[in-house]
Amino acid sequence: MYRLQVDKLTKAAASKGDMTGYAIARRTGIAESSIYRLLNGEAQPDLISALRLGETYDITVEELMQREPAPAEAAA
């Protein structure tokens, strides 16, 4: 499973002057409610949203997302 690295996203967004979820939503074209769910860890971006975030803030999807072991892998 992959998880959004919220700290990397907020740092990249801040470097472009986007300090709020509203500003990120306006710049990326992603719904504001979706951005707030991402920032709060309540949801993970789909591929299109991850690509939009990456392209907008000059960060690769690989940098934006981090692989976490699945529960079965963690137990092994």
PDB file of N, CA and C in Angstrom:
ATOM      1  N   MET A   1       0.846  -1.179   0.000  1.00  0.00           N
ATOM      2  CA  MET A   1       0.000   0.000   0.000  1.00  0.00           C
ATOM      3  C   MET A   1       0.892   1.243   0.000  1.00  0.00           C
ATOM      4  N   TYR A   2       0.443   2.246  -0.682  1.00  0.00           N
ATOM      5  CA  TYR A   2       1.168   3.513  -0.746  1.00  0.00           C
ATOM      6  C   TYR A   2       0.392   4.586  -0.006  1.00  0.00           C
ATOM      7  N   ARG A   3       1.114   5.460   0.643  1.00  0.00           N
ATOM      8  CA  ARG A   3       0.506   6.546   1.403  1.00  0.00           C
ATOM      9  C   ARG A   3       1.083   7.880   0.938  1.00  0.00           C
ATOM     10  N   LEU A   4       0.213   8.876   0.872  1.00  0.00           N
ATOM     11  CA  LEU A   4       0.624  10.231   0.528  1.00  0.00           C
ATOM     12  C   LEU A   4       1.499  10.790   1.650  1.00  0.00           C
ATOM     13  N   GLN A   5       2.614  11.368   1.268  1.00  0.00           N
ATOM     14  CA  GLN A   5       3.485  12.034   2.228  1.00  0.00           C
ATOM     15  C   GLN A   5       3.010  13.484   2.357  1.00  0.00           C
ATOM     16  N   VAL A   6       2.109  13.713   3.292  1.00  0.00           N
ATOM     17  CA  VAL A   6       1.469  15.014   3.448  1.00  0.00           C
ATOM     18  C   VAL A   6       2.502  16.100   3.714  1.00  0.00           C
ATOM     19  N   ASP A   7       3.515  15.792   4.508  1.00  0.00           N
ATOM     20  CA  ASP A   7       4.533  16.796   4.809  1.00  0.00           C
ATOM     21  C   ASP A   7       5.275  17.239   3.550  1.00  0.00           C
ATOM     22  N   LYS A   8       5.559  16.313   2.658  1.00  0.00           N
ATOM     23  CA  LYS A   8       6.229  16.674   1.404  1.00  0.00           C
ATOM     24  C   LYS A   8       5.314  17.504   0.515  1.00  0.00           C
ATOM     25  N   LEU A   9       4.035  17.150   0.493  1.00  0.00           N
ATOM     26  CA  LEU A   9       3.078  17.916  -0.304  1.00  0.00           C
ATOM     27  C   LEU A   9       2.953  19.337   0.232  1.00  0.00           C
ATOM     28  N   THR A  10       2.780  19.489   1.534  1.00  0.00           N
ATOM     29  CA  THR A  10       2.600  20.830   2.090  1.00  0.00           C
ATOM     30  C   THR A  10       3.857  21.675   1.929  1.00  0.00           C
ATOM     31  N   LYS A  11       5.015  21.051   2.039  1.00  0.00           N
ATOM     32  CA  LYS A  11       6.274  21.790   1.840  1.00  0.00           C
ATOM     33  C   LYS A  11       6.397  22.251   0.387  1.00  0.00           C
ATOM     34  N   ALA A  12       6.087  21.369  -0.562  1.00  0.00           N
ATOM     35  CA  ALA A  12       6.154  21.725  -1.978  1.00  0.00           C
ATOM     36  C   ALA A  12       5.133  22.803  -2.312  1.00  0.00           C
ATOM     37  N   ALA A  13       3.935  22.678  -1.747  1.00  0.00           N
ATOM     38  CA  ALA A  13       2.884  23.670  -1.996  1.00  0.00           C
ATOM     39  C   ALA A  13       3.284  25.027  -1.407  1.00  0.00           C
ATOM     40  N   ALA A  14       3.842  25.012  -0.217  1.00  0.00           N
ATOM     41  CA  ALA A  14       4.259  26.261   0.422  1.00  0.00           C
ATOM     42  C   ALA A  14       5.341  26.966  -0.384  1.00  0.00           C
ATOM     43  N   SER A  15       6.191  26.190  -1.045  1.00  0.00           N
ATOM     44  CA  SER A  15       7.254  26.812  -1.845  1.00  0.00           C
ATOM     45  C   SER A  15       6.686  27.587  -3.028  1.00  0.00           C
ATOM     46  N   LYS A  16       5.446  27.290  -3.398  1.00  0.00           N
ATOM     47  CA  LYS A  16       4.766  28.026  -4.479  1.00  0.00           C
ATOM     48  C   LYS A  16       3.747  29.010  -3.911  1.00  0.00           C
ATOM     49  N   GLY A  17       3.749  29.178  -2.595  1.00  0.00           N
ATOM     50  CA  GLY A  17       2.854  30.136  -1.954  1.00  0.00           C
ATOM     51  C   GLY A  17       1.485  29.600  -1.603  1.00  0.00           C
ATOM     52  N   ASP A  18       1.286  28.302  -1.746  1.00  0.00           N
ATOM     53  CA  ASP A  18      -0.014  27.705  -1.427  1.00  0.00           C
ATOM     54  C   ASP A  18       0.020  27.179   0.006  1.00  0.00           C
ATOM     55  N   MET A  19      -0.525  27.967   0.913  1.00  0.00           N
ATOM     56  CA  MET A  19      -0.450  27.636   2.334  1.00  0.00           C
ATOM     57  C   MET A  19      -1.717  26.969   2.869  1.00  0.00           C
ATOM     58  N   THR A  20      -2.762  26.916   2.069  1.00  0.00           N
ATOM     59  CA  THR A  20      -4.030  26.347   2.539  1.00  0.00           C
ATOM     60  C   THR A  20      -4.525  25.280   1.572  1.00  0.00           C
ATOM     61  N   GLY A  21      -5.433  24.470   2.054  1.00  0.00           N
ATOM     62  CA  GLY A  21      -6.065  23.482   1.194  1.00  0.00           C
ATOM     63  C   GLY A  21      -6.803  24.144   0.047  1.00  0.00           C
ATOM     64  N   TYR A  22      -7.411  25.284   0.331  1.00  0.00           N
ATOM     65  CA  TYR A  22      -8.117  26.029  -0.705  1.00  0.00           C
ATOM     66  C   TYR A  22      -7.153  26.427  -1.832  1.00  0.00           C
ATOM     67  N   ALA A  23      -5.983  26.919  -1.478  1.00  0.00           N
ATOM     68  CA  ALA A  23      -4.999  27.340  -2.482  1.00  0.00           C
ATOM     69  C   ALA A  23      -4.508  26.148  -3.302  1.00  0.00           C
ATOM     70  N   ILE A  24      -4.294  25.021  -2.637  1.00  0.00           N
ATOM     71  CA  ILE A  24      -3.861  23.813  -3.344  1.00  0.00           C
ATOM     72  C   ILE A  24      -4.951  23.374  -4.310  1.00  0.00           C
ATOM     73  N   ALA A  25      -6.188  23.394  -3.863  1.00  0.00           N
ATOM     74  CA  ALA A  25      -7.310  23.000  -4.718  1.00  0.00           C
ATOM     75  C   ALA A  25      -7.423  23.914  -5.936  1.00  0.00           C
ATOM     76  N   ARG A  26      -7.298  25.200  -5.733  1.00  0.00           N
ATOM     77  CA  ARG A  26      -7.394  26.151  -6.852  1.00  0.00           C
ATOM     78  C   ARG A  26      -6.298  25.908  -7.879  1.00  0.00           C
ATOM     79  N   ARG A  27      -5.077  25.691  -7.407  1.00  0.00           N
ATOM     80  CA  ARG A  27      -3.955  25.533  -8.334  1.00  0.00           C
ATOM     81  C   ARG A  27      -4.010  24.187  -9.066  1.00  0.00           C
ATOM     82  N   THR A  28      -4.457  23.136  -8.397  1.00  0.00           N
ATOM     83  CA  THR A  28      -4.416  21.802  -8.997  1.00  0.00           C
ATOM     84  C   THR A  28      -5.688  21.423  -9.741  1.00  0.00           C
ATOM     85  N   GLY A  29      -6.797  22.064  -9.409  1.00  0.00           N
ATOM     86  CA  GLY A  29      -8.069  21.694 -10.013  1.00  0.00           C
ATOM     87  C   GLY A  29      -8.723  20.498  -9.338  1.00  0.00           C
ATOM     88  N   ILE A  30      -8.177  20.077  -8.212  1.00  0.00           N
ATOM     89  CA  ILE A  30      -8.757  18.987  -7.424  1.00  0.00           C
ATOM     90  C   ILE A  30      -9.759  19.609  -6.453  1.00  0.00           C
ATOM     91  N   ALA A  31     -10.868  18.942  -6.241  1.00  0.00           N
ATOM     92  CA  ALA A  31     -11.915  19.474  -5.359  1.00  0.00           C
ATOM     93  C   ALA A  31     -11.344  19.801  -3.977  1.00  0.00           C
ATOM     94  N   GLU A  32     -11.776  20.930  -3.444  1.00  0.00           N
ATOM     95  CA  GLU A  32     -11.286  21.375  -2.139  1.00  0.00           C
ATOM     96  C   GLU A  32     -11.558  20.333  -1.054  1.00  0.00           C
ATOM     97  N   SER A  33     -12.735  19.712  -1.086  1.00  0.00           N
ATOM     98  CA  SER A  33     -13.058  18.699  -0.081  1.00  0.00           C
ATOM     99  C   SER A  33     -12.098  17.517  -0.183  1.00  0.00           C
ATOM    100  N   SER A  34     -11.721  17.154  -1.395  1.00  0.00           N
ATOM    101  CA  SER A  34     -10.761  16.053  -1.588  1.00  0.00           C
ATOM    102  C   SER A  34      -9.395  16.429  -1.039  1.00  0.00           C
ATOM    103  N   ILE A  35      -8.973  17.657  -1.278  1.00  0.00           N
ATOM    104  CA  ILE A  35      -7.674  18.111  -0.769  1.00  0.00           C
ATOM    105  C   ILE A  35      -7.659  18.053   0.755  1.00  0.00           C
ATOM    106  N   TYR A  36      -8.718  18.517   1.399  1.00  0.00           N
ATOM    107  CA  TYR A  36      -8.751  18.484   2.864  1.00  0.00           C
ATOM    108  C   TYR A  36      -8.734  17.053   3.393  1.00  0.00           C
ATOM    109  N   ARG A  37      -9.407  16.129   2.709  1.00  0.00           N
ATOM    110  CA  ARG A  37      -9.357  14.725   3.129  1.00  0.00           C
ATOM    111  C   ARG A  37      -7.943  14.171   2.974  1.00  0.00           C
ATOM    112  N   LEU A  38      -7.254  14.560   1.905  1.00  0.00           N
ATOM    113  CA  LEU A  38      -5.867  14.112   1.709  1.00  0.00           C
ATOM    114  C   LEU A  38      -4.965  14.675   2.803  1.00  0.00           C
ATOM    115  N   LEU A  39      -5.092  15.970   3.069  1.00  0.00           N
ATOM    116  CA  LEU A  39      -4.239  16.622   4.060  1.00  0.00           C
ATOM    117  C   LEU A  39      -4.475  16.086   5.468  1.00  0.00           C
ATOM    118  N   ASN A  40      -5.704  15.645   5.747  1.00  0.00           N
ATOM    119  CA  ASN A  40      -6.030  15.105   7.067  1.00  0.00           C
ATOM    120  C   ASN A  40      -5.773  13.609   7.177  1.00  0.00           C
ATOM    121  N   GLY A  41      -5.310  12.991   6.101  1.00  0.00           N
ATOM    122  CA  GLY A  41      -5.019  11.564   6.124  1.00  0.00           C
ATOM    123  C   GLY A  41      -6.262  10.689   6.061  1.00  0.00           C
ATOM    124  N   GLU A  42      -7.389  11.269   5.704  1.00  0.00           N
ATOM    125  CA  GLU A  42      -8.638  10.516   5.649  1.00  0.00           C
ATOM    126  C   GLU A  42      -8.807   9.785   4.321  1.00  0.00           C
ATOM    127  N   ALA A  43      -8.012  10.152   3.323  1.00  0.00           N
ATOM    128  CA  ALA A  43      -8.108   9.543   1.994  1.00  0.00           C
ATOM    129  C   ALA A  43      -6.735   9.550   1.345  1.00  0.00           C
ATOM    130  N   GLN A  44      -6.608   8.757   0.290  1.00  0.00           N
ATOM    131  CA  GLN A  44      -5.379   8.705  -0.496  1.00  0.00           C
ATOM    132  C   GLN A  44      -5.728   9.133  -1.921  1.00  0.00           C
ATOM    133  N   PRO A  45      -4.803   9.792  -2.607  1.00  0.00           N
ATOM    134  CA  PRO A  45      -5.122  10.263  -3.951  1.00  0.00           C
ATOM    135  C   PRO A  45      -5.197   9.122  -4.953  1.00  0.00           C
ATOM    136  N   ASP A  46      -6.093   9.279  -5.931  1.00  0.00           N
ATOM    137  CA  ASP A  46      -6.089   8.344  -7.051  1.00  0.00           C
ATOM    138  C   ASP A  46      -4.916   8.729  -7.958  1.00  0.00           C
ATOM    139  N   LEU A  47      -4.677   7.942  -8.984  1.00  0.00           N
ATOM    140  CA  LEU A  47      -3.515   8.180  -9.840  1.00  0.00           C
ATOM    141  C   LEU A  47      -3.561   9.553 -10.490  1.00  0.00           C
ATOM    142  N   ILE A  48      -4.704   9.946 -11.010  1.00  0.00           N
ATOM    143  CA  ILE A  48      -4.823  11.243 -11.684  1.00  0.00           C
ATOM    144  C   ILE A  48      -4.530  12.384 -10.712  1.00  0.00           C
ATOM    145  N   SER A  49      -5.062  12.305  -9.510  1.00  0.00           N
ATOM    146  CA  SER A  49      -4.819  13.353  -8.516  1.00  0.00           C
ATOM    147  C   SER A  49      -3.354  13.397  -8.111  1.00  0.00           C
ATOM    148  N   ALA A  50      -2.741  12.240  -7.929  1.00  0.00           N
ATOM    149  CA  ALA A  50      -1.317  12.195  -7.579  1.00  0.00           C
ATOM    150  C   ALA A  50      -0.474  12.822  -8.689  1.00  0.00           C
ATOM    151  N   LEU A  51      -0.827  12.522  -9.932  1.00  0.00           N
ATOM    152  CA  LEU A  51      -0.103  13.117 -11.056  1.00  0.00           C
ATOM    153  C   LEU A  51      -0.293  14.628 -11.108  1.00  0.00           C
ATOM    154  N   ARG A  52      -1.509  15.090 -10.871  1.00  0.00           N
ATOM    155  CA  ARG A  52      -1.770  16.540 -10.853  1.00  0.00           C
ATOM    156  C   ARG A  52      -0.967  17.232  -9.763  1.00  0.00           C
ATOM    157  N   LEU A  53      -0.968  16.643  -8.577  1.00  0.00           N
ATOM    158  CA  LEU A  53      -0.203  17.231  -7.471  1.00  0.00           C
ATOM    159  C   LEU A  53       1.278  17.289  -7.811  1.00  0.00           C
ATOM    160  N   GLY A  54       1.792  16.184  -8.346  1.00  0.00           N
ATOM    161  CA  GLY A  54       3.200  16.131  -8.699  1.00  0.00           C
ATOM    162  C   GLY A  54       3.579  17.133  -9.767  1.00  0.00           C
ATOM    163  N   GLU A  55       2.793  17.196 -10.828  1.00  0.00           N
ATOM    164  CA  GLU A  55       3.087  18.133 -11.910  1.00  0.00           C
ATOM    165  C   GLU A  55       2.978  19.578 -11.449  1.00  0.00           C
ATOM    166  N   THR A  56       1.994  19.863 -10.634  1.00  0.00           N
ATOM    167  CA  THR A  56       1.780  21.228 -10.165  1.00  0.00           C
ATOM    168  C   THR A  56       2.927  21.712  -9.289  1.00  0.00           C
ATOM    169  N   TYR A  57       3.416  20.833  -8.434  1.00  0.00           N
ATOM    170  CA  TYR A  57       4.420  21.245  -7.458  1.00  0.00           C
ATOM    171  C   TYR A  57       5.822  20.712  -7.748  1.00  0.00           C
ATOM    172  N   ASP A  58       6.033  20.274  -8.980  1.00  0.00           N
ATOM    173  CA  ASP A  58       7.365  19.819  -9.410  1.00  0.00           C
ATOM    174  C   ASP A  58       7.959  18.774  -8.471  1.00  0.00           C
ATOM    175  N   ILE A  59       7.164  17.765  -8.178  1.00  0.00           N
ATOM    176  CA  ILE A  59       7.609  16.665  -7.325  1.00  0.00           C
ATOM    177  C   ILE A  59       7.127  15.376  -7.986  1.00  0.00           C
ATOM    178  N   THR A  60       7.954  14.361  -7.981  1.00  0.00           N
ATOM    179  CA  THR A  60       7.560  13.117  -8.638  1.00  0.00           C
ATOM    180  C   THR A  60       6.548  12.364  -7.779  1.00  0.00           C
ATOM    181  N   VAL A  61       5.773  11.528  -8.422  1.00  0.00           N
ATOM    182  CA  VAL A  61       4.803  10.706  -7.697  1.00  0.00           C
ATOM    183  C   VAL A  61       5.546   9.797  -6.725  1.00  0.00           C
ATOM    184  N   GLU A  62       6.720   9.322  -7.119  1.00  0.00           N
ATOM    185  CA  GLU A  62       7.518   8.468  -6.238  1.00  0.00           C
ATOM    186  C   GLU A  62       7.936   9.204  -4.965  1.00  0.00           C
ATOM    187  N   GLU A  63       8.217  10.507  -5.084  1.00  0.00           N
ATOM    188  CA  GLU A  63       8.565  11.301  -3.900  1.00  0.00           C
ATOM    189  C   GLU A  63       7.332  11.610  -3.063  1.00  0.00           C
ATOM    190  N   LEU A  64       6.209  11.778  -3.731  1.00  0.00           N
ATOM    191  CA  LEU A  64       4.965  12.156  -3.072  1.00  0.00           C
ATOM    192  C   LEU A  64       4.334  10.998  -2.304  1.00  0.00           C
ATOM    193  N   MET A  65       4.531   9.787  -2.800  1.00  0.00           N
ATOM    194  CA  MET A  65       3.923   8.608  -2.195  1.00  0.00           C
ATOM    195  C   MET A  65       5.003   7.728  -1.569  1.00  0.00           C
ATOM    196  N   GLN A  66       4.695   7.100  -0.460  1.00  0.00           N
ATOM    197  CA  GLN A  66       5.637   6.200   0.197  1.00  0.00           C
ATOM    198  C   GLN A  66       4.981   4.841   0.384  1.00  0.00           C
ATOM    199  N   ARG A  67       5.721   3.813   0.065  1.00  0.00           N
ATOM    200  CA  ARG A  67       5.200   2.452   0.209  1.00  0.00           C
ATOM    201  C   ARG A  67       5.223   2.044   1.674  1.00  0.00           C
ATOM    202  N   GLU A  68       4.110   1.514   2.125  1.00  0.00           N
ATOM    203  CA  GLU A  68       4.028   0.952   3.472  1.00  0.00           C
ATOM    204  C   GLU A  68       3.739  -0.524   3.329  1.00  0.00           C
ATOM    205  N   PRO A  69       4.357  -1.339   4.137  1.00  0.00           N
ATOM    206  CA  PRO A  69       4.111  -2.771   4.013  1.00  0.00           C
ATOM    207  C   PRO A  69       2.659  -3.117   4.331  1.00  0.00           C
ATOM    208  N   ALA A  70       2.155  -4.093   3.595  1.00  0.00           N
ATOM    209  CA  ALA A  70       0.799  -4.585   3.870  1.00  0.00           C
ATOM    210  C   ALA A  70       0.812  -5.292   5.212  1.00  0.00           C
ATOM    211  N   PRO A  71      -0.320  -5.398   5.888  1.00  0.00           N
ATOM    212  CA  PRO A  71      -0.354  -6.076   7.194  1.00  0.00           C
ATOM    213  C   PRO A  71       0.250  -7.470   7.173  1.00  0.00           C
ATOM    214  N   ALA A  72       0.047  -8.226   6.098  1.00  0.00           N
ATOM    215  CA  ALA A  72       0.610  -9.567   6.004  1.00  0.00           C
ATOM    216  C   ALA A  72       2.134  -9.524   5.920  1.00  0.00           C
ATOM    217  N   GLU A  73       2.687  -8.520   5.221  1.00  0.00           N
ATOM    218  CA  GLU A  73       4.129  -8.361   5.113  1.00  0.00           C
ATOM    219  C   GLU A  73       4.746  -7.953   6.441  1.00  0.00           C
ATOM    220  N   ALA A  74       4.048  -7.101   7.173  1.00  0.00           N
ATOM    221  CA  ALA A  74       4.563  -6.620   8.451  1.00  0.00           C
ATOM    222  C   ALA A  74       4.626  -7.741   9.482  1.00  0.00           C
ATOM    223  N   ALA A  75       3.691  -8.671   9.419  1.00  0.00           N
ATOM    224  CA  ALA A  75       3.658  -9.787  10.378  1.00  0.00           C
ATOM    225  C   ALA A  75       4.715 -10.850  10.070  1.00  0.00           C
ATOM    226  N   ALA A  76       5.156 -10.914   8.842  1.00  0.00           N
ATOM    227  CA  ALA A  76       6.109 -11.960   8.453  1.00  0.00           C
ATOM    228  C   ALA A  76       7.513 -11.699   8.933  1.00  0.00           C
TER     229      ALA A  76
END
